[in-house]
Amino acid sequence: MPLLAAALATLALDQASKSLARQSLPYGQPLPLLPHVWLTYVQNPGAAFSLLDGFSPAVRVPFFAASSLAALAVVAWAWRSLPGRDRTSELALGLIAGGALGNLLDRLRFTRVTDFIEVGVRGVYTWPVFNVADSAVCVGVGLLLLKALRAPKPEHP
């Protein structure tokens, strides 16, 4: 089943890369990797763009845990609703599920998410630091959007 394989592979890669970042990278100090790409280990207590980072863990963690569980419920519903369960849709849903699980585990274990990938142009603009789980969710959603845009249009009488 491509969905389960993608979810488990995403979760394993996410957790392994975060563990390596926590063990190997100095906190908050960018390490150049490629042009316009740095490894910058940070802990994000909020969500995307540090959303809700000012709230206490007693508020943040349950809110984001519920959000992750809701995302997983939507993935399960979408999977059950797929008419042909094609590989692209299953891969996309697996990436989303694996990413949601990866960040959920961080929140439950550490009350915050480990981020370590930074891209951009220093001094001009850098994207907020992110991780493998974040990337997987974005790629999964992107695949679903591309598939929806490429779907044949139903004919209207």
Protein backbone atom coordinates (compact mmCIF):
# COMPACT_ATOMS: atom_id res chain seq x y z
CA MET A 1 0.00 0.00 0.00
CA PRO A 2 1.73 3.22 -1.18
CA LEU A 3 0.01 5.39 1.44
CA LEU A 4 1.33 3.38 4.38
CA ALA A 5 4.81 3.02 2.87
CA ALA A 6 5.05 6.76 2.18
CA ALA A 7 3.77 7.64 5.67
CA LEU A 8 6.21 5.29 7.43
CA ALA A 9 9.18 6.34 5.27
CA THR A 10 8.37 10.03 5.83
CA LEU A 11 8.00 9.52 9.57
CA ALA A 12 11.28 7.57 9.81
CA LEU A 13 13.25 10.10 7.73
CA ASP A 14 11.74 13.01 9.65
CA GLN A 15 12.50 11.59 13.08
CA ALA A 16 16.02 10.46 12.12
CA SER A 17 16.91 13.83 10.59
CA LYS A 18 15.56 15.74 13.60
CA SER A 19 17.50 13.52 15.99
CA LEU A 20 20.67 14.10 13.97
CA ALA A 21 20.06 17.86 13.96
CA ARG A 22 19.55 17.94 17.75
CA GLN A 23 22.72 15.92 18.33
CA SER A 24 25.01 17.48 15.73
CA LEU A 25 24.10 21.11 15.09
CA PRO A 26 24.76 24.08 17.36
CA TYR A 27 21.51 25.79 18.30
CA GLY A 28 20.62 28.76 16.09
CA GLN A 29 23.93 28.90 14.21
CA PRO A 30 23.58 28.46 10.43
CA LEU A 31 25.86 25.90 8.82
CA PRO A 32 26.16 26.41 5.03
CA LEU A 33 25.11 23.32 3.08
CA LEU A 34 24.49 24.54 -0.49
CA PRO A 35 24.19 28.00 -2.03
CA HIS A 36 21.18 29.57 -0.32
CA VAL A 37 20.64 26.52 1.94
CA TRP A 38 21.77 26.25 5.56
CA LEU A 39 21.33 23.77 8.37
CA THR A 40 20.04 25.88 11.25
CA TYR A 41 18.82 23.94 14.27
CA VAL A 42 15.98 25.64 16.14
CA GLN A 43 13.04 24.54 18.26
CA ASN A 44 9.69 25.93 17.11
CA PRO A 45 7.09 26.05 19.88
CA GLY A 46 4.42 27.28 17.46
CA ALA A 47 3.29 26.16 14.05
CA ALA A 48 4.07 27.56 10.61
CA PHE A 49 5.65 30.99 10.94
CA SER A 50 5.74 30.48 14.76
CA LEU A 51 1.96 30.67 15.02
CA LEU A 52 0.89 30.52 18.71
CA ASP A 53 4.49 30.40 19.97
CA GLY A 54 3.63 32.83 22.77
CA PHE A 55 1.12 30.45 24.33
CA SER A 56 2.03 28.02 27.12
CA PRO A 57 2.66 24.36 26.27
CA ALA A 58 -0.53 23.49 28.17
CA VAL A 59 -2.47 25.38 25.48
CA ARG A 60 -0.23 24.83 22.44
CA VAL A 61 0.36 21.10 22.66
CA PRO A 62 -3.30 20.00 22.91
CA PHE A 63 -4.30 22.48 20.18
CA PHE A 64 -1.65 21.27 17.74
CA ALA A 65 -2.17 17.62 18.71
CA ALA A 66 -5.87 18.00 17.91
CA SER A 67 -4.97 19.74 14.63
CA SER A 68 -2.65 16.87 13.68
CA LEU A 69 -5.28 14.28 14.55
CA ALA A 70 -7.83 16.21 12.48
CA ALA A 71 -5.40 16.24 9.53
CA LEU A 72 -4.94 12.48 9.91
CA ALA A 73 -8.73 12.02 9.97
CA VAL A 74 -9.01 14.04 6.74
CA VAL A 75 -6.29 11.88 5.17
CA ALA A 76 -8.18 8.72 6.18
CA TRP A 77 -11.45 10.13 4.82
CA ALA A 78 -9.78 11.21 1.56
CA TRP A 79 -8.17 7.79 1.15
CA ARG A 80 -11.48 6.02 1.65
CA SER A 81 -13.12 8.43 -0.80
CA LEU A 82 -10.60 7.92 -3.61
CA PRO A 83 -12.46 6.36 -6.49
CA GLY A 84 -9.50 4.52 -8.01
CA ARG A 85 -6.94 4.88 -5.22
CA ASP A 86 -4.22 5.78 -7.70
CA ARG A 87 -0.57 5.78 -6.64
CA THR A 88 -0.10 9.55 -6.90
CA SER A 89 -2.99 10.28 -4.55
CA GLU A 90 -1.90 7.57 -2.13
CA LEU A 91 1.68 8.87 -2.17
CA ALA A 92 0.43 12.42 -1.55
CA LEU A 93 -1.80 11.32 1.34
CA GLY A 94 1.03 9.24 2.78
CA LEU A 95 3.39 12.23 2.72
CA ILE A 96 0.79 14.35 4.51
CA ALA A 97 0.12 11.64 7.11
CA GLY A 98 3.82 11.00 7.74
CA GLY A 99 4.52 14.71 8.09
CA ALA A 100 1.61 15.23 10.47
CA LEU A 101 2.76 12.28 12.58
CA GLY A 102 6.38 13.48 12.62
CA ASN A 103 5.52 16.91 13.99
CA LEU A 104 2.92 15.43 16.35
CA LEU A 105 5.57 13.18 17.90
CA ASP A 106 7.85 16.18 18.44
CA ARG A 107 5.07 18.12 20.15
CA LEU A 108 4.18 15.21 22.42
CA ARG A 109 7.82 14.44 23.31
CA PHE A 110 9.33 17.94 23.49
CA THR A 111 6.31 20.38 23.41
CA ARG A 112 7.93 21.94 20.32
CA VAL A 113 9.06 20.93 16.85
CA THR A 114 12.67 20.54 15.76
CA ASP A 115 13.40 22.56 12.60
CA PHE A 116 16.74 22.66 10.80
CA ILE A 117 16.43 23.52 7.09
CA GLU A 118 16.76 27.15 6.08
CA VAL A 119 16.63 28.49 2.51
CA GLY A 120 16.80 31.96 1.03
CA VAL A 121 19.21 34.81 0.43
CA ARG A 122 20.94 36.00 3.59
CA GLY A 123 20.36 39.66 4.25
CA VAL A 124 17.48 39.75 1.74
CA TYR A 125 14.97 37.04 2.70
CA THR A 126 15.09 33.59 4.23
CA TRP A 127 12.12 31.29 4.51
CA PRO A 128 11.25 30.29 8.08
CA VAL A 129 13.30 27.28 9.19
CA PHE A 130 11.48 24.00 8.53
CA ASN A 131 11.96 20.21 8.62
CA VAL A 132 11.31 17.02 6.62
CA ALA A 133 7.76 16.68 7.97
CA ASP A 134 6.88 20.21 6.87
CA SER A 135 8.33 19.52 3.43
CA ALA A 136 6.41 16.25 3.10
CA VAL A 137 3.10 17.92 3.95
CA CYS A 138 3.74 20.68 1.39
CA VAL A 139 4.78 18.23 -1.33
CA GLY A 140 1.75 16.02 -0.57
CA VAL A 141 -0.67 18.94 -0.78
CA GLY A 142 1.07 20.14 -3.95
CA LEU A 143 0.68 16.73 -5.58
CA LEU A 144 -3.02 16.66 -4.74
CA LEU A 145 -3.49 20.18 -6.16
CA LEU A 146 -1.64 19.29 -9.37
CA LYS A 147 -3.72 16.15 -9.72
CA ALA A 148 -6.92 18.12 -9.20
CA LEU A 149 -5.86 20.74 -11.75
CA ARG A 150 -5.02 18.06 -14.32
CA ALA A 151 -8.22 16.07 -13.79
CA PRO A 152 -10.51 15.94 -16.81
CA LYS A 153 -13.33 18.42 -16.59
CA PRO A 154 -16.80 16.88 -16.48
CA GLU A 155 -18.92 17.67 -19.49
CA HIS A 156 -22.01 19.77 -18.84
CA PRO A 157 -25.09 19.29 -21.02
